[in-house]
């Protein structure tokens, strides 16, 4: 029984790290994505560009409805563009 706990603890820690880091990586991915759009590697006309816009739409909607989030997005994307 003690061996089961010893092996399950790293799994719990890895799951917690993944659960906390994925939203951070999602938000931080907006800057490089915008860079790709500005430099014409992605655009609205191709399916990949449309998929990226669809993926980041919740963050953009949040930014439009919450001024502090919008200010952060503008500042952060400005670092990349």
C-alpha atoms as a PDB file:
ATOM      1  CA  UNK A   1       0.000   0.000   0.000  1.00  0.00           C
ATOM      2  CA  UNK A   2       2.856   2.386   0.764  1.00  0.00           C
ATOM      3  CA  UNK A   3       4.370   1.657  -2.652  1.00  0.00           C
ATOM      4  CA  UNK A   4       1.122   2.736  -4.328  1.00  0.00           C
ATOM      5  CA  UNK A   5       1.288   6.105  -2.611  1.00  0.00           C
ATOM      6  CA  UNK A   6       4.931   6.553  -3.518  1.00  0.00           C
ATOM      7  CA  UNK A   7       4.153   6.090  -7.224  1.00  0.00           C
ATOM      8  CA  UNK A   8       0.921   8.098  -7.247  1.00  0.00           C
ATOM      9  CA  UNK A   9       2.419  11.238  -5.674  1.00  0.00           C
ATOM     10  CA  UNK A  10       4.615  12.114  -8.689  1.00  0.00           C
ATOM     11  CA  UNK A  11       1.613  11.561 -10.927  1.00  0.00           C
ATOM     12  CA  UNK A  12      -0.469  13.959  -8.838  1.00  0.00           C
ATOM     13  CA  UNK A  13       2.333  16.540  -8.888  1.00  0.00           C
ATOM     14  CA  UNK A  14       2.728  16.233 -12.667  1.00  0.00           C
ATOM     15  CA  UNK A  15      -1.033  16.606 -13.153  1.00  0.00           C
ATOM     16  CA  UNK A  16      -1.080  19.707 -10.933  1.00  0.00           C
ATOM     17  CA  UNK A  17       1.856  21.264 -12.792  1.00  0.00           C
ATOM     18  CA  UNK A  18       0.181  20.564 -16.134  1.00  0.00           C
ATOM     19  CA  UNK A  19      -3.135  21.973 -14.932  1.00  0.00           C
ATOM     20  CA  UNK A  20      -1.447  25.178 -13.780  1.00  0.00           C
ATOM     21  CA  UNK A  21       0.985  25.633 -16.650  1.00  0.00           C
ATOM     22  CA  UNK A  22      -1.326  25.013 -19.612  1.00  0.00           C
ATOM     23  CA  UNK A  23      -3.437  28.177 -19.062  1.00  0.00           C
ATOM     24  CA  UNK A  24      -0.254  30.225 -18.640  1.00  0.00           C
ATOM     25  CA  UNK A  25       1.204  28.824 -21.861  1.00  0.00           C
ATOM     26  CA  UNK A  26      -2.096  29.517 -23.634  1.00  0.00           C
ATOM     27  CA  UNK A  27      -1.981  33.191 -22.679  1.00  0.00           C
ATOM     28  CA  UNK A  28       1.736  33.530 -23.413  1.00  0.00           C
ATOM     29  CA  UNK A  29       1.229  31.953 -26.836  1.00  0.00           C
ATOM     30  CA  UNK A  30      -0.800  34.966 -27.976  1.00  0.00           C
ATOM     31  CA  UNK A  31       2.296  37.126 -28.551  1.00  0.00           C
ATOM     32  CA  UNK A  32       4.112  34.740 -30.901  1.00  0.00           C
ATOM     33  CA  UNK A  33       0.836  34.016 -32.664  1.00  0.00           C
ATOM     34  CA  UNK A  34       0.272  37.698 -33.317  1.00  0.00           C
ATOM     35  CA  UNK A  35       3.849  37.942 -34.607  1.00  0.00           C
ATOM     36  CA  UNK A  36       3.026  35.190 -37.116  1.00  0.00           C
ATOM     37  CA  UNK A  37      -0.023  37.135 -38.302  1.00  0.00           C
ATOM     38  CA  UNK A  38       1.845  40.440 -38.570  1.00  0.00           C
ATOM     39  CA  UNK A  39       4.646  38.861 -40.583  1.00  0.00           C
ATOM     40  CA  UNK A  40       2.146  37.117 -42.903  1.00  0.00           C
ATOM     41  CA  UNK A  41       3.026  33.563 -41.893  1.00  0.00           C
ATOM     42  CA  UNK A  42      -0.638  33.191 -40.918  1.00  0.00           C
ATOM     43  CA  UNK A  43      -3.685  34.985 -42.265  1.00  0.00           C
ATOM     44  CA  UNK A  44      -7.471  34.877 -42.033  1.00  0.00           C
ATOM     45  CA  UNK A  45      -7.766  33.293 -45.464  1.00  0.00           C
ATOM     46  CA  UNK A  46      -6.268  29.890 -44.714  1.00  0.00           C
ATOM     47  CA  UNK A  47      -7.671  27.156 -42.459  1.00  0.00           C
ATOM     48  CA  UNK A  48      -4.731  27.260 -40.042  1.00  0.00           C
ATOM     49  CA  UNK A  49      -5.142  30.997 -39.505  1.00  0.00           C
ATOM     50  CA  UNK A  50      -8.861  30.548 -38.919  1.00  0.00           C
ATOM     51  CA  UNK A  51      -8.178  27.754 -36.414  1.00  0.00           C
ATOM     52  CA  UNK A  52      -5.722  29.940 -34.509  1.00  0.00           C
ATOM     53  CA  UNK A  53      -8.250  32.771 -34.390  1.00  0.00           C
ATOM     54  CA  UNK A  54     -10.868  30.319 -33.119  1.00  0.00           C
ATOM     55  CA  UNK A  55      -8.483  29.054 -30.414  1.00  0.00           C
ATOM     56  CA  UNK A  56      -7.656  32.537 -29.135  1.00  0.00           C
ATOM     57  CA  UNK A  57     -11.182  33.974 -29.459  1.00  0.00           C
ATOM     58  CA  UNK A  58     -12.029  33.394 -25.736  1.00  0.00           C
ATOM     59  CA  UNK A  59      -8.965  35.387 -24.696  1.00  0.00           C
ATOM     60  CA  UNK A  60      -9.852  38.224 -27.074  1.00  0.00           C
ATOM     61  CA  UNK A  61     -13.462  38.278 -25.844  1.00  0.00           C
ATOM     62  CA  UNK A  62     -12.186  38.406 -22.248  1.00  0.00           C
ATOM     63  CA  UNK A  63      -9.882  41.272 -23.185  1.00  0.00           C
ATOM     64  CA  UNK A  64     -12.733  43.182 -24.802  1.00  0.00           C
ATOM     65  CA  UNK A  65     -14.893  42.841 -21.696  1.00  0.00           C
ATOM     66  CA  UNK A  66     -12.228  43.428 -19.033  1.00  0.00           C
ATOM     67  CA  UNK A  67     -10.035  46.555 -19.405  1.00  0.00           C
ATOM     68  CA  UNK A  68      -7.129  45.293 -17.219  1.00  0.00           C
ATOM     69  CA  UNK A  69      -6.907  42.105 -19.290  1.00  0.00           C
ATOM     70  CA  UNK A  70      -7.091  44.176 -22.470  1.00  0.00           C
ATOM     71  CA  UNK A  71      -4.240  46.399 -21.253  1.00  0.00           C
ATOM     72  CA  UNK A  72      -2.136  43.331 -20.474  1.00  0.00           C
ATOM     73  CA  UNK A  73      -2.835  41.825 -23.901  1.00  0.00           C
ATOM     74  CA  UNK A  74      -1.930  45.072 -25.666  1.00  0.00           C
ATOM     75  CA  UNK A  75       1.263  45.378 -23.629  1.00  0.00           C
ATOM     76  CA  UNK A  76       2.286  41.748 -24.103  1.00  0.00           C
ATOM     77  CA  UNK A  77       1.538  41.598 -27.825  1.00  0.00           C
ATOM     78  CA  UNK A  78       3.449  44.869 -28.184  1.00  0.00           C
ATOM     79  CA  UNK A  79       6.545  43.084 -26.936  1.00  0.00           C
ATOM     80  CA  UNK A  80       6.310  40.677 -29.881  1.00  0.00           C
ATOM     81  CA  UNK A  81       5.173  42.931 -32.692  1.00  0.00           C
END
